[in-house]
Amino acid sequence: MTLRRNQLAALAGAIERVMRFDAPADAALSAFFREHPEIGDMVPVAFYRAVADVLAIVYRAKRKRGA
């Protein structure tokens, strides 16, 4: 799937929201989409995969550093 410019911007916002680590990732992502109804009801699977990939990279890096 190819993301459009506005979808890519929304994805960056979603990742930024999740990376605050002030809530579980699924709750933070859900809150982001509620706060941005212009994204629409159908959230591309690519959004979830991208956020999961970023979180996996962050957690691996933290574990590797022993944090």
N, C-alpha and C. Protein backbone atom coordinates (compact mmCIF):
# COMPACT_ATOMS: atom_id res chain seq x y z
N MET A 1 0.84 -1.17 0.00
CA MET A 1 0.00 0.00 0.00
C MET A 1 0.88 1.24 0.00
N THR A 2 0.51 2.20 -0.81
CA THR A 2 1.23 3.46 -0.88
C THR A 2 0.47 4.51 -0.08
N LEU A 3 1.17 5.18 0.81
CA LEU A 3 0.53 6.22 1.61
C LEU A 3 0.63 7.56 0.89
N ARG A 4 -0.46 8.32 0.96
CA ARG A 4 -0.45 9.67 0.42
C ARG A 4 0.22 10.60 1.42
N ARG A 5 0.53 11.81 0.97
CA ARG A 5 1.22 12.78 1.81
C ARG A 5 0.48 13.04 3.11
N ASN A 6 -0.85 13.23 3.04
CA ASN A 6 -1.62 13.51 4.26
C ASN A 6 -1.64 12.29 5.18
N GLN A 7 -1.65 11.11 4.61
CA GLN A 7 -1.61 9.90 5.42
C GLN A 7 -0.25 9.74 6.10
N LEU A 8 0.80 10.09 5.39
CA LEU A 8 2.14 10.01 5.96
C LEU A 8 2.28 11.00 7.12
N ALA A 9 1.73 12.20 6.96
CA ALA A 9 1.76 13.19 8.04
C ALA A 9 0.97 12.68 9.24
N ALA A 10 -0.18 12.06 8.98
CA ALA A 10 -0.98 11.50 10.07
C ALA A 10 -0.23 10.37 10.76
N LEU A 11 0.46 9.56 9.99
CA LEU A 11 1.25 8.47 10.56
C LEU A 11 2.34 9.01 11.48
N ALA A 12 3.01 10.07 11.05
CA ALA A 12 4.04 10.68 11.88
C ALA A 12 3.43 11.19 13.19
N GLY A 13 2.26 11.78 13.10
CA GLY A 13 1.57 12.25 14.30
C GLY A 13 1.18 11.11 15.22
N ALA A 14 0.74 10.02 14.63
CA ALA A 14 0.34 8.86 15.43
C ALA A 14 1.55 8.27 16.15
N ILE A 15 2.67 8.18 15.45
CA ILE A 15 3.88 7.65 16.08
C ILE A 15 4.33 8.58 17.20
N GLU A 16 4.28 9.88 16.93
CA GLU A 16 4.65 10.85 17.96
C GLU A 16 3.77 10.69 19.20
N ARG A 17 2.47 10.48 19.00
CA ARG A 17 1.55 10.32 20.13
C ARG A 17 1.88 9.07 20.93
N VAL A 18 2.13 7.97 20.26
CA VAL A 18 2.43 6.71 20.93
C VAL A 18 3.77 6.80 21.67
N MET A 19 4.74 7.51 21.09
CA MET A 19 6.08 7.59 21.67
C MET A 19 6.14 8.46 22.92
N ARG A 20 5.06 9.09 23.31
CA ARG A 20 5.03 9.81 24.58
C ARG A 20 5.11 8.84 25.75
N PHE A 21 4.69 7.60 25.51
CA PHE A 21 4.69 6.54 26.52
C PHE A 21 3.90 6.93 27.76
N ASP A 22 2.83 7.69 27.57
CA ASP A 22 1.98 8.07 28.72
C ASP A 22 0.73 7.20 28.80
N ALA A 23 0.64 6.24 27.91
CA ALA A 23 -0.49 5.30 27.88
C ALA A 23 -0.04 4.07 27.10
N PRO A 24 -0.73 2.95 27.28
CA PRO A 24 -0.41 1.79 26.45
C PRO A 24 -0.54 2.16 24.96
N ALA A 25 0.27 1.55 24.13
CA ALA A 25 0.32 1.92 22.71
C ALA A 25 -1.04 1.84 22.04
N ASP A 26 -1.81 0.79 22.32
CA ASP A 26 -3.10 0.67 21.65
C ASP A 26 -4.05 1.79 22.09
N ALA A 27 -4.00 2.16 23.35
CA ALA A 27 -4.86 3.24 23.85
C ALA A 27 -4.42 4.59 23.27
N ALA A 28 -3.12 4.81 23.18
CA ALA A 28 -2.61 6.06 22.63
C ALA A 28 -2.97 6.18 21.16
N LEU A 29 -2.85 5.10 20.42
CA LEU A 29 -3.18 5.12 19.00
C LEU A 29 -4.68 5.34 18.80
N SER A 30 -5.47 4.68 19.61
CA SER A 30 -6.92 4.87 19.54
C SER A 30 -7.29 6.32 19.85
N ALA A 31 -6.66 6.90 20.86
CA ALA A 31 -6.92 8.30 21.21
C ALA A 31 -6.53 9.22 20.07
N PHE A 32 -5.41 8.93 19.42
CA PHE A 32 -4.98 9.75 18.29
C PHE A 32 -6.04 9.76 17.19
N PHE A 33 -6.57 8.60 16.86
CA PHE A 33 -7.56 8.53 15.79
C PHE A 33 -8.88 9.19 16.20
N ARG A 34 -9.23 9.12 17.47
CA ARG A 34 -10.42 9.83 17.93
C ARG A 34 -10.22 11.35 17.84
N GLU A 35 -9.01 11.80 18.10
CA GLU A 35 -8.69 13.23 18.04
C GLU A 35 -8.57 13.73 16.61
N HIS A 36 -8.44 12.86 15.65
CA HIS A 36 -8.25 13.23 14.25
C HIS A 36 -9.27 12.50 13.35
N PRO A 37 -10.54 12.85 13.48
CA PRO A 37 -11.56 12.16 12.70
C PRO A 37 -11.42 12.37 11.19
N GLU A 38 -10.66 13.38 10.79
CA GLU A 38 -10.47 13.63 9.36
C GLU A 38 -9.73 12.48 8.67
N ILE A 39 -9.07 11.65 9.45
CA ILE A 39 -8.37 10.49 8.88
C ILE A 39 -9.38 9.49 8.33
N GLY A 40 -10.53 9.44 8.95
CA GLY A 40 -11.59 8.56 8.48
C GLY A 40 -11.77 7.34 9.36
N ASP A 41 -12.81 6.60 9.06
CA ASP A 41 -13.14 5.42 9.85
C ASP A 41 -12.24 4.23 9.54
N MET A 42 -11.78 4.16 8.32
CA MET A 42 -10.95 3.03 7.91
C MET A 42 -9.48 3.41 8.05
N VAL A 43 -8.85 2.89 9.08
CA VAL A 43 -7.44 3.17 9.32
C VAL A 43 -6.62 2.11 8.58
N PRO A 44 -5.74 2.54 7.70
CA PRO A 44 -4.94 1.57 6.95
C PRO A 44 -4.11 0.67 7.87
N VAL A 45 -4.03 -0.57 7.51
CA VAL A 45 -3.22 -1.52 8.27
C VAL A 45 -1.78 -1.03 8.34
N ALA A 46 -1.35 -0.32 7.31
CA ALA A 46 0.02 0.20 7.28
C ALA A 46 0.31 1.09 8.48
N PHE A 47 -0.70 1.82 8.98
CA PHE A 47 -0.50 2.66 10.16
C PHE A 47 -0.11 1.80 11.35
N TYR A 48 -0.89 0.76 11.58
CA TYR A 48 -0.63 -0.10 12.73
C TYR A 48 0.72 -0.81 12.61
N ARG A 49 1.02 -1.27 11.42
CA ARG A 49 2.30 -1.94 11.22
C ARG A 49 3.47 -0.99 11.45
N ALA A 50 3.36 0.22 10.94
CA ALA A 50 4.45 1.19 11.10
C ALA A 50 4.65 1.54 12.57
N VAL A 51 3.57 1.77 13.29
CA VAL A 51 3.69 2.09 14.72
C VAL A 51 4.30 0.90 15.46
N ALA A 52 3.86 -0.30 15.15
CA ALA A 52 4.40 -1.50 15.80
C ALA A 52 5.89 -1.65 15.49
N ASP A 53 6.28 -1.37 14.26
CA ASP A 53 7.69 -1.47 13.89
C ASP A 53 8.54 -0.47 14.67
N VAL A 54 8.05 0.76 14.78
CA VAL A 54 8.80 1.78 15.53
C VAL A 54 8.93 1.38 16.99
N LEU A 55 7.83 0.93 17.59
CA LEU A 55 7.88 0.51 18.99
C LEU A 55 8.84 -0.66 19.18
N ALA A 56 8.85 -1.59 18.26
CA ALA A 56 9.76 -2.73 18.37
C ALA A 56 11.21 -2.28 18.33
N ILE A 57 11.52 -1.33 17.47
CA ILE A 57 12.89 -0.80 17.38
C ILE A 57 13.27 -0.12 18.69
N VAL A 58 12.37 0.68 19.23
CA VAL A 58 12.64 1.40 20.48
C VAL A 58 12.85 0.42 21.62
N TYR A 59 11.97 -0.56 21.75
CA TYR A 59 12.09 -1.52 22.85
C TYR A 59 13.35 -2.37 22.72
N ARG A 60 13.71 -2.75 21.50
CA ARG A 60 14.95 -3.51 21.30
C ARG A 60 16.17 -2.69 21.69
N ALA A 61 16.16 -1.42 21.32
CA ALA A 61 17.29 -0.54 21.66
C ALA A 61 17.39 -0.37 23.17
N LYS A 62 16.24 -0.21 23.84
CA LYS A 62 16.27 -0.06 25.30
C LYS A 62 16.77 -1.32 25.97
N ARG A 63 16.31 -2.46 25.48
CA ARG A 63 16.72 -3.73 26.07
C ARG A 63 18.22 -3.96 25.86
N LYS A 64 18.69 -3.57 24.70
CA LYS A 64 20.11 -3.75 24.38
C LYS A 64 20.98 -2.88 25.29
N ARG A 65 20.50 -1.69 25.63
CA ARG A 65 21.23 -0.80 26.52
C ARG A 65 21.04 -1.18 27.98
N GLY A 66 20.10 -2.08 28.25
CA GLY A 66 19.85 -2.49 29.62
C GLY A 66 18.96 -1.51 30.37
N ALA A 67 18.25 -0.67 29.65
CA ALA A 67 17.36 0.31 30.28
C ALA A 67 16.04 -0.31 30.66
